[in-house]
Amino acid sequence: MEQFNRIEVQGLVGNVRITNFEESTIANISVATNYIYKGRDGQGVVETMWFTVIAREGKSIENAASIKKGNAVHAVGRMRTRTFTDSNGNEKEALEIIATKVEKVDQEEAVSV
C-alpha cells in the first residue's frame, strides 16, 4: 500500500511573515480558502478556512518577498502538526502545510476553483 501526505490549497493571502536565518529565508504565509454552498434557507453560505503555509525561499518559493497580502497563491506540500504554548500558558496544536511549491496565480483563477 502506497502512503502519502499531500495537500494542495489555492486561495488568497492574508498575512506574510518573512524570517531570515543564517543561510535561508522562511516565509510563513496565511492562506484563506472559501467553500460556498446553499444553506437550508436557500441562501448562499460562505465557509472560510485559513491555512498556514511554511515555505523556504529558493526551494519551495522563488521570491518570498514578492508574496503580498491579497495575492492569489497555489501551495502544494505536506501537513504537519505543531504543539505550542500560548501567551496564557495553554498548550495548543496547529496544523501547518510544509510547502514543496508556492506560486502566485491569477486572481480570477483562484476564486473560481
N, C-alpha and C. Protein backbone atom coordinates (compact mmCIF):
# COMPACT_ATOMS: atom_id res chain seq x y z
N MET A 1 0.84 -1.18 0.00
CA MET A 1 0.00 0.00 0.00
C MET A 1 0.89 1.25 0.00
N GLU A 2 0.64 2.13 -0.94
CA GLU A 2 1.38 3.39 -1.01
C GLU A 2 0.80 4.35 0.02
N GLN A 3 1.68 5.02 0.73
CA GLN A 3 1.24 6.02 1.71
C GLN A 3 1.77 7.38 1.29
N PHE A 4 0.96 8.40 1.51
CA PHE A 4 1.42 9.75 1.21
C PHE A 4 0.69 10.76 2.06
N ASN A 5 1.31 11.91 2.21
CA ASN A 5 0.77 13.03 2.96
C ASN A 5 0.91 14.23 2.03
N ARG A 6 -0.16 14.62 1.36
CA ARG A 6 -0.11 15.71 0.40
C ARG A 6 -1.38 16.54 0.50
N ILE A 7 -1.19 17.84 0.41
CA ILE A 7 -2.33 18.76 0.41
C ILE A 7 -2.04 19.88 -0.59
N GLU A 8 -3.09 20.35 -1.25
CA GLU A 8 -3.00 21.50 -2.14
C GLU A 8 -4.06 22.50 -1.72
N VAL A 9 -3.69 23.76 -1.64
CA VAL A 9 -4.65 24.82 -1.38
C VAL A 9 -4.43 25.94 -2.38
N GLN A 10 -5.51 26.58 -2.75
CA GLN A 10 -5.44 27.72 -3.64
C GLN A 10 -6.38 28.77 -3.07
N GLY A 11 -5.84 29.91 -2.74
CA GLY A 11 -6.67 30.95 -2.13
C GLY A 11 -5.94 32.27 -2.06
N LEU A 12 -6.45 33.13 -1.18
CA LEU A 12 -5.91 34.49 -1.07
C LEU A 12 -5.05 34.63 0.18
N VAL A 13 -3.96 35.35 0.05
CA VAL A 13 -3.01 35.56 1.14
C VAL A 13 -3.57 36.57 2.13
N GLY A 14 -3.50 36.21 3.41
CA GLY A 14 -3.89 37.13 4.47
C GLY A 14 -2.67 37.88 4.97
N ASN A 15 -1.76 37.19 5.57
CA ASN A 15 -0.53 37.79 6.09
C ASN A 15 0.68 37.01 5.62
N VAL A 16 1.80 37.69 5.57
CA VAL A 16 3.08 37.06 5.23
C VAL A 16 4.10 37.53 6.25
N ARG A 17 4.79 36.58 6.86
CA ARG A 17 5.88 36.90 7.78
C ARG A 17 7.14 36.23 7.24
N ILE A 18 8.16 37.03 6.98
CA ILE A 18 9.40 36.51 6.42
C ILE A 18 10.45 36.53 7.53
N THR A 19 11.12 35.39 7.71
CA THR A 19 12.17 35.27 8.71
C THR A 19 13.46 34.88 8.01
N ASN A 20 14.50 35.63 8.27
CA ASN A 20 15.81 35.33 7.69
C ASN A 20 16.67 34.62 8.73
N PHE A 21 17.13 33.42 8.37
CA PHE A 21 18.07 32.69 9.20
C PHE A 21 19.44 32.87 8.59
N GLU A 22 20.45 32.23 9.12
CA GLU A 22 21.82 32.42 8.64
C GLU A 22 21.95 32.25 7.13
N GLU A 23 21.45 31.14 6.60
CA GLU A 23 21.62 30.89 5.18
C GLU A 23 20.32 30.67 4.42
N SER A 24 19.18 30.90 5.07
CA SER A 24 17.92 30.68 4.36
C SER A 24 16.86 31.68 4.82
N THR A 25 15.86 31.81 3.98
CA THR A 25 14.72 32.68 4.26
C THR A 25 13.47 31.81 4.30
N ILE A 26 12.70 31.95 5.36
CA ILE A 26 11.47 31.18 5.54
C ILE A 26 10.28 32.14 5.48
N ALA A 27 9.28 31.79 4.69
CA ALA A 27 8.04 32.57 4.62
C ALA A 27 6.94 31.80 5.33
N ASN A 28 6.24 32.49 6.22
CA ASN A 28 5.09 31.95 6.93
C ASN A 28 3.89 32.70 6.35
N ILE A 29 3.07 32.00 5.55
CA ILE A 29 2.01 32.64 4.77
C ILE A 29 0.66 32.10 5.23
N SER A 30 -0.27 33.00 5.57
CA SER A 30 -1.64 32.55 5.87
C SER A 30 -2.45 32.66 4.58
N VAL A 31 -3.17 31.57 4.26
CA VAL A 31 -3.95 31.50 3.02
C VAL A 31 -5.39 31.16 3.37
N ALA A 32 -6.33 31.96 2.85
CA ALA A 32 -7.76 31.74 3.08
C ALA A 32 -8.39 31.08 1.86
N THR A 33 -9.19 30.05 2.11
CA THR A 33 -9.96 29.42 1.05
C THR A 33 -11.43 29.51 1.43
N ASN A 34 -12.28 29.64 0.43
CA ASN A 34 -13.72 29.72 0.67
C ASN A 34 -14.42 28.52 0.06
N TYR A 35 -15.39 27.99 0.81
CA TYR A 35 -16.27 26.95 0.32
C TYR A 35 -17.67 27.55 0.36
N ILE A 36 -18.34 27.56 -0.79
CA ILE A 36 -19.65 28.21 -0.88
C ILE A 36 -20.71 27.15 -1.17
N TYR A 37 -21.78 27.19 -0.38
CA TYR A 37 -22.88 26.24 -0.58
C TYR A 37 -24.20 26.92 -0.20
N LYS A 38 -25.30 26.26 -0.55
CA LYS A 38 -26.63 26.79 -0.19
C LYS A 38 -27.05 26.21 1.14
N GLY A 39 -27.50 27.08 2.01
CA GLY A 39 -28.00 26.66 3.32
C GLY A 39 -29.42 26.14 3.20
N ARG A 40 -29.96 25.71 4.31
CA ARG A 40 -31.33 25.18 4.35
C ARG A 40 -32.36 26.20 3.86
N ASP A 41 -32.07 27.47 4.10
CA ASP A 41 -33.00 28.52 3.67
C ASP A 41 -32.81 28.92 2.21
N GLY A 42 -31.89 28.22 1.50
CA GLY A 42 -31.65 28.51 0.09
C GLY A 42 -30.68 29.64 -0.16
N GLN A 43 -30.22 30.31 0.91
CA GLN A 43 -29.27 31.41 0.78
C GLN A 43 -27.84 30.85 0.72
N GLY A 44 -27.00 31.57 0.03
CA GLY A 44 -25.60 31.16 -0.07
C GLY A 44 -24.88 31.31 1.26
N VAL A 45 -24.07 30.32 1.60
CA VAL A 45 -23.27 30.34 2.82
C VAL A 45 -21.81 30.24 2.41
N VAL A 46 -20.97 31.11 2.96
CA VAL A 46 -19.54 31.09 2.68
C VAL A 46 -18.82 30.60 3.92
N GLU A 47 -18.07 29.53 3.75
CA GLU A 47 -17.28 28.96 4.84
C GLU A 47 -15.81 29.21 4.52
N THR A 48 -15.13 30.01 5.32
CA THR A 48 -13.73 30.34 5.09
C THR A 48 -12.85 29.52 6.01
N MET A 49 -11.79 28.95 5.44
CA MET A 49 -10.83 28.18 6.22
C MET A 49 -9.45 28.78 5.97
N TRP A 50 -8.71 28.97 7.07
CA TRP A 50 -7.36 29.53 6.98
C TRP A 50 -6.33 28.43 7.12
N PHE A 51 -5.29 28.51 6.29
CA PHE A 51 -4.18 27.57 6.33
C PHE A 51 -2.89 28.34 6.57
N THR A 52 -1.97 27.75 7.31
CA THR A 52 -0.64 28.32 7.48
C THR A 52 0.31 27.54 6.59
N VAL A 53 0.96 28.24 5.68
CA VAL A 53 1.89 27.62 4.73
C VAL A 53 3.30 28.07 5.08
N ILE A 54 4.21 27.11 5.28
CA ILE A 54 5.61 27.39 5.57
C ILE A 54 6.41 27.07 4.32
N ALA A 55 7.12 28.06 3.78
CA ALA A 55 7.86 27.88 2.53
C ALA A 55 9.29 28.37 2.69
N ARG A 56 10.21 27.65 2.10
CA ARG A 56 11.63 28.04 2.12
C ARG A 56 11.99 28.67 0.78
N GLU A 57 12.52 29.89 0.84
CA GLU A 57 12.87 30.60 -0.39
C GLU A 57 13.98 29.85 -1.12
N GLY A 58 13.81 29.74 -2.43
CA GLY A 58 14.79 29.05 -3.27
C GLY A 58 14.49 27.58 -3.42
N LYS A 59 13.75 26.99 -2.47
CA LYS A 59 13.41 25.58 -2.57
C LYS A 59 11.94 25.41 -2.94
N SER A 60 11.03 26.01 -2.17
CA SER A 60 9.60 25.84 -2.45
C SER A 60 8.95 27.13 -2.95
N ILE A 61 9.67 28.23 -2.85
CA ILE A 61 9.14 29.51 -3.32
C ILE A 61 10.30 30.31 -3.91
N GLU A 62 10.08 30.88 -5.09
CA GLU A 62 11.16 31.60 -5.76
C GLU A 62 11.55 32.88 -5.04
N ASN A 63 10.59 33.76 -4.81
CA ASN A 63 10.88 35.05 -4.22
C ASN A 63 9.83 35.34 -3.14
N ALA A 64 10.16 35.02 -1.90
CA ALA A 64 9.20 35.15 -0.80
C ALA A 64 8.71 36.59 -0.66
N ALA A 65 9.57 37.56 -0.90
CA ALA A 65 9.19 38.96 -0.72
C ALA A 65 8.16 39.42 -1.75
N SER A 66 7.99 38.66 -2.83
CA SER A 66 7.00 39.05 -3.86
C SER A 66 5.57 38.66 -3.47
N ILE A 67 5.41 37.83 -2.45
CA ILE A 67 4.07 37.42 -2.00
C ILE A 67 3.56 38.47 -1.01
N LYS A 68 2.43 39.06 -1.33
CA LYS A 68 1.85 40.13 -0.52
C LYS A 68 0.40 39.80 -0.14
N LYS A 69 -0.11 40.47 0.87
CA LYS A 69 -1.50 40.33 1.29
C LYS A 69 -2.41 40.60 0.10
N GLY A 70 -3.40 39.73 -0.10
CA GLY A 70 -4.33 39.87 -1.21
C GLY A 70 -3.96 39.11 -2.46
N ASN A 71 -2.68 38.66 -2.58
CA ASN A 71 -2.28 37.86 -3.74
C ASN A 71 -3.00 36.52 -3.72
N ALA A 72 -3.26 35.99 -4.89
CA ALA A 72 -3.79 34.63 -5.01
C ALA A 72 -2.59 33.69 -5.16
N VAL A 73 -2.59 32.60 -4.39
CA VAL A 73 -1.49 31.65 -4.45
C VAL A 73 -2.01 30.22 -4.53
N HIS A 74 -1.17 29.36 -5.05
CA HIS A 74 -1.41 27.92 -5.09
C HIS A 74 -0.24 27.29 -4.34
N ALA A 75 -0.53 26.51 -3.30
CA ALA A 75 0.51 25.89 -2.49
C ALA A 75 0.31 24.37 -2.46
N VAL A 76 1.41 23.65 -2.58
CA VAL A 76 1.41 22.20 -2.51
C VAL A 76 2.42 21.80 -1.44
N GLY A 77 2.06 20.81 -0.62
CA GLY A 77 3.01 20.37 0.40
C GLY A 77 2.45 19.23 1.22
N ARG A 78 2.99 19.09 2.43
CA ARG A 78 2.54 18.04 3.35
C ARG A 78 2.04 18.71 4.63
N MET A 79 1.11 18.04 5.30
CA MET A 79 0.58 18.55 6.57
C MET A 79 1.45 18.07 7.72
N ARG A 80 1.58 18.94 8.71
CA ARG A 80 2.22 18.53 9.96
C ARG A 80 1.52 19.25 11.11
N THR A 81 1.62 18.69 12.29
CA THR A 81 1.08 19.34 13.47
C THR A 81 2.23 19.87 14.31
N ARG A 82 1.97 20.97 14.97
CA ARG A 82 2.97 21.59 15.84
C ARG A 82 2.28 21.95 17.13
N THR A 83 2.90 21.61 18.25
CA THR A 83 2.36 21.94 19.56
C THR A 83 3.10 23.16 20.10
N PHE A 84 2.35 24.10 20.68
CA PHE A 84 2.96 25.31 21.24
C PHE A 84 2.18 25.74 22.47
N THR A 85 2.77 26.63 23.25
CA THR A 85 2.11 27.18 24.43
C THR A 85 1.76 28.63 24.13
N ASP A 86 0.48 28.98 24.31
CA ASP A 86 0.05 30.34 24.02
C ASP A 86 0.44 31.29 25.16
N SER A 87 0.11 32.56 25.01
CA SER A 87 0.51 33.58 25.99
C SER A 87 -0.14 33.38 27.35
N ASN A 88 -1.24 32.60 27.41
CA ASN A 88 -1.91 32.32 28.68
C ASN A 88 -1.42 31.02 29.32
N GLY A 89 -0.42 30.40 28.69
CA GLY A 89 0.12 29.16 29.24
C GLY A 89 -0.62 27.91 28.82
N ASN A 90 -1.58 28.05 27.91
CA ASN A 90 -2.34 26.89 27.42
C ASN A 90 -1.60 26.22 26.28
N GLU A 91 -1.56 24.89 26.29
CA GLU A 91 -0.93 24.17 25.20
C GLU A 91 -1.92 24.05 24.05
N LYS A 92 -1.47 24.38 22.85
CA LYS A 92 -2.32 24.35 21.66
C LYS A 92 -1.62 23.55 20.57
N GLU A 93 -2.42 23.15 19.59
CA GLU A 93 -1.89 22.42 18.45
C GLU A 93 -2.28 23.15 17.18
N ALA A 94 -1.34 23.28 16.25
CA ALA A 94 -1.59 23.96 14.99
C ALA A 94 -1.29 23.01 13.84
N LEU A 95 -2.11 23.10 12.80
CA LEU A 95 -1.85 22.37 11.57
C LEU A 95 -1.14 23.31 10.61
N GLU A 96 -0.09 22.83 9.98
CA GLU A 96 0.68 23.64 9.04
C GLU A 96 0.91 22.85 7.76
N ILE A 97 1.07 23.58 6.68
CA ILE A 97 1.46 22.97 5.41
C ILE A 97 2.94 23.30 5.19
N ILE A 98 3.76 22.27 5.11
CA ILE A 98 5.17 22.46 4.78
C ILE A 98 5.25 22.36 3.26
N ALA A 99 5.47 23.50 2.62
CA ALA A 99 5.33 23.60 1.17
C ALA A 99 6.50 22.99 0.41
N THR A 100 6.14 22.32 -0.69
CA THR A 100 7.14 21.92 -1.67
C THR A 100 7.09 22.87 -2.86
N LYS A 101 5.95 23.61 -2.99
CA LYS A 101 5.81 24.59 -4.06
C LYS A 101 4.77 25.63 -3.66
N VAL A 102 5.10 26.90 -3.86
CA VAL A 102 4.15 28.00 -3.68
C VAL A 102 4.35 28.92 -4.88
N GLU A 103 3.25 29.22 -5.57
CA GLU A 103 3.35 30.14 -6.70
C GLU A 103 2.13 31.04 -6.74
N LYS A 104 2.35 32.26 -7.24
CA LYS A 104 1.24 33.19 -7.43
C LYS A 104 0.44 32.72 -8.63
N VAL A 105 -0.88 32.90 -8.55
CA VAL A 105 -1.77 32.57 -9.66
C VAL A 105 -2.65 33.75 -9.95
N ASP A 106 -3.32 33.70 -11.10
CA ASP A 106 -4.25 34.75 -11.48
C ASP A 106 -5.38 34.82 -10.46
N GLN A 107 -5.75 36.00 -10.03
CA GLN A 107 -6.79 36.19 -9.00
C GLN A 107 -8.10 35.52 -9.40
N GLU A 108 -8.52 35.65 -10.65
CA GLU A 108 -9.78 35.05 -11.10
C GLU A 108 -9.71 33.54 -11.05
N GLU A 109 -8.55 32.97 -11.37
CA GLU A 109 -8.38 31.52 -11.34
C GLU A 109 -8.52 31.00 -9.91
N ALA A 110 -7.97 31.72 -8.96
CA ALA A 110 -8.02 31.28 -7.56
C ALA A 110 -9.43 31.34 -7.01
N VAL A 111 -10.21 32.31 -7.41
CA VAL A 111 -11.56 32.47 -6.88
C VAL A 111 -12.53 31.48 -7.51
N SER A 112 -12.31 31.10 -8.77
CA SER A 112 -13.25 30.25 -9.47
C SER A 112 -13.13 28.78 -9.14
N VAL A 113 -12.04 28.36 -8.54
CA VAL A 113 -11.84 26.93 -8.27
C VAL A 113 -12.58 26.49 -7.05
